[in-house]
Protein backbone atom coordinates (compact mmCIF):
# COMPACT_ATOMS: atom_id res chain seq x y z
CA UNK A 1 94.29 36.01 120.48
CA UNK A 2 92.68 38.95 122.38
CA UNK A 3 93.07 42.46 121.26
CA UNK A 4 91.54 45.37 123.22
CA UNK A 5 91.43 49.57 122.61
CA UNK A 6 90.66 51.62 125.64
CA UNK A 7 89.73 55.43 124.77
CA UNK A 8 89.71 57.85 127.93
CA UNK A 9 88.14 61.11 127.40
CA UNK A 10 88.66 63.97 129.35
CA UNK A 11 85.11 64.99 130.37
CA UNK A 12 84.05 68.62 130.59
CA UNK A 13 80.61 70.17 131.16
CA UNK A 14 80.53 73.09 128.86
CA UNK A 15 77.45 74.46 127.42
CA UNK A 16 77.44 74.32 123.44
CA UNK A 17 76.53 77.94 122.32
CA UNK A 18 72.96 78.47 120.16
CA UNK A 19 74.85 77.74 117.02
CA UNK A 20 75.49 73.98 117.24
CA UNK A 21 72.04 73.70 116.52
CA UNK A 22 70.72 73.70 112.86
CA UNK A 23 68.55 72.07 110.50
CA UNK A 24 69.58 69.25 107.86
CA UNK A 25 70.74 70.51 104.23
CA UNK A 26 70.14 68.92 100.94
CA UNK A 27 73.24 68.10 99.15
CA UNK A 28 74.15 68.21 95.53
CA UNK A 29 76.26 65.47 93.94
CA UNK A 30 79.73 65.50 94.06
CA UNK A 31 80.05 66.58 90.04
CA UNK A 32 78.57 69.86 91.06
CA UNK A 33 80.65 70.37 94.12
CA UNK A 34 83.97 72.97 94.38
CA UNK A 35 87.25 72.21 95.72
CA UNK A 36 87.49 72.90 99.14
CA UNK A 37 90.04 75.70 100.05
CA UNK A 38 92.10 73.33 102.38
CA UNK A 39 95.49 74.94 101.44
CA UNK A 40 95.73 75.22 105.16
CA UNK A 41 95.75 72.01 106.00
CA UNK A 42 99.10 71.00 104.76
CA UNK A 43 99.92 67.91 102.89
CA UNK A 44 99.62 64.89 104.79
CA UNK A 45 99.16 61.10 103.46
CA UNK A 46 95.62 61.19 104.38
CA UNK A 47 95.02 63.96 102.29
CA UNK A 48 97.10 63.00 99.45
CA UNK A 49 94.70 59.80 99.16
CA UNK A 50 91.49 61.45 98.75
CA UNK A 51 89.86 64.07 97.08
CA UNK A 52 86.99 66.14 98.44
CA UNK A 53 84.03 67.95 96.82
CA UNK A 54 82.57 70.66 98.85
CA UNK A 55 78.40 70.33 97.70
CA UNK A 56 77.24 73.29 100.39
CA UNK A 57 78.97 75.48 102.99
CA UNK A 58 82.63 75.45 103.75
CA UNK A 59 85.23 72.69 104.63
CA UNK A 60 86.81 73.75 108.29
CA UNK A 61 84.81 76.71 108.86
CA UNK A 62 81.98 76.78 111.32
CA UNK A 63 78.11 76.45 109.92
CA UNK A 64 76.35 73.94 107.90
CA UNK A 65 78.27 71.86 105.40
CA UNK A 66 78.04 68.70 103.01
CA UNK A 67 81.41 67.39 101.37
CA UNK A 68 81.65 64.23 99.30
CA UNK A 69 84.90 62.03 100.10
CA UNK A 70 86.60 59.82 97.43
CA UNK A 71 89.66 57.47 98.53
CA UNK A 72 91.61 57.07 95.47
CA UNK A 73 94.45 54.89 96.53
CA UNK A 74 94.86 51.80 98.41
CA UNK A 75 94.26 50.98 102.34
CA UNK A 76 96.73 48.21 101.85
CA UNK A 77 99.55 48.60 98.99
CA UNK A 78 98.48 46.20 96.18
CA UNK A 79 95.43 45.68 97.52
CA UNK A 80 91.67 47.14 95.66
CA UNK A 81 89.36 48.99 98.40
CA UNK A 82 86.78 46.80 98.96
CA UNK A 83 83.19 47.84 99.82
CA UNK A 84 83.78 47.27 103.45
CA UNK A 85 86.94 49.27 103.20
CA UNK A 86 84.88 52.46 101.40
CA UNK A 87 82.43 51.86 104.24
CA UNK A 88 84.89 52.22 106.98
CA UNK A 89 86.46 55.45 105.36
CA UNK A 90 82.84 56.61 104.58
CA UNK A 91 82.32 56.33 108.55
CA UNK A 92 85.12 58.04 109.52
CA UNK A 93 85.63 60.94 106.88
CA UNK A 94 82.72 62.95 108.08
CA UNK A 95 84.50 63.78 111.52
CA UNK A 96 84.34 67.21 111.46
CA UNK A 97 82.36 68.56 108.65
CA UNK A 98 79.70 70.85 109.06
CA UNK A 99 80.93 71.83 112.22
CA UNK A 100 79.13 74.61 113.98
CA UNK A 101 81.62 74.92 116.30
CA UNK A 102 85.57 76.66 115.66
CA UNK A 103 88.20 74.00 114.87
CA UNK A 104 90.51 76.22 116.71
CA UNK A 105 88.58 76.12 119.67
CA UNK A 106 86.96 72.38 119.30
CA UNK A 107 87.98 69.07 118.06
CA UNK A 108 85.92 66.17 116.46
CA UNK A 109 87.02 62.72 117.58
CA UNK A 110 85.23 59.51 116.54
CA UNK A 111 85.23 58.30 120.05
CA UNK A 112 81.86 56.63 119.56
CA UNK A 113 82.18 54.84 115.85
CA UNK A 114 82.45 51.27 115.84
CA UNK A 115 82.48 49.15 112.51
CA UNK A 116 81.80 45.57 112.63
CA UNK A 117 82.10 43.10 109.53
CA UNK A 118 79.75 40.09 109.33
């Protein structure tokens, strides 16, 4: 059996705005974070299965931010979330968090994300 996946991304040379470069952040724990203002995202299976706590900045607004994510339901019905699943979820959830570019004009794909279990 062979399985292959290909991703084709259109390349567009474009200068990034000066706001795209900022220093690293210190982050507070989830217990002192606040609920994100994400009502405009609507209800989705993804959103219904996780909780988010904003530690710094804002979600879906340009600028530095820190957000804690927690998966609250199994990925596979009837199977507990394993440490490997949590690692994969963690690698994927941060996509677009702490954006320094406007979500209305830029997208944030994980085209270069690869997870391997050994």
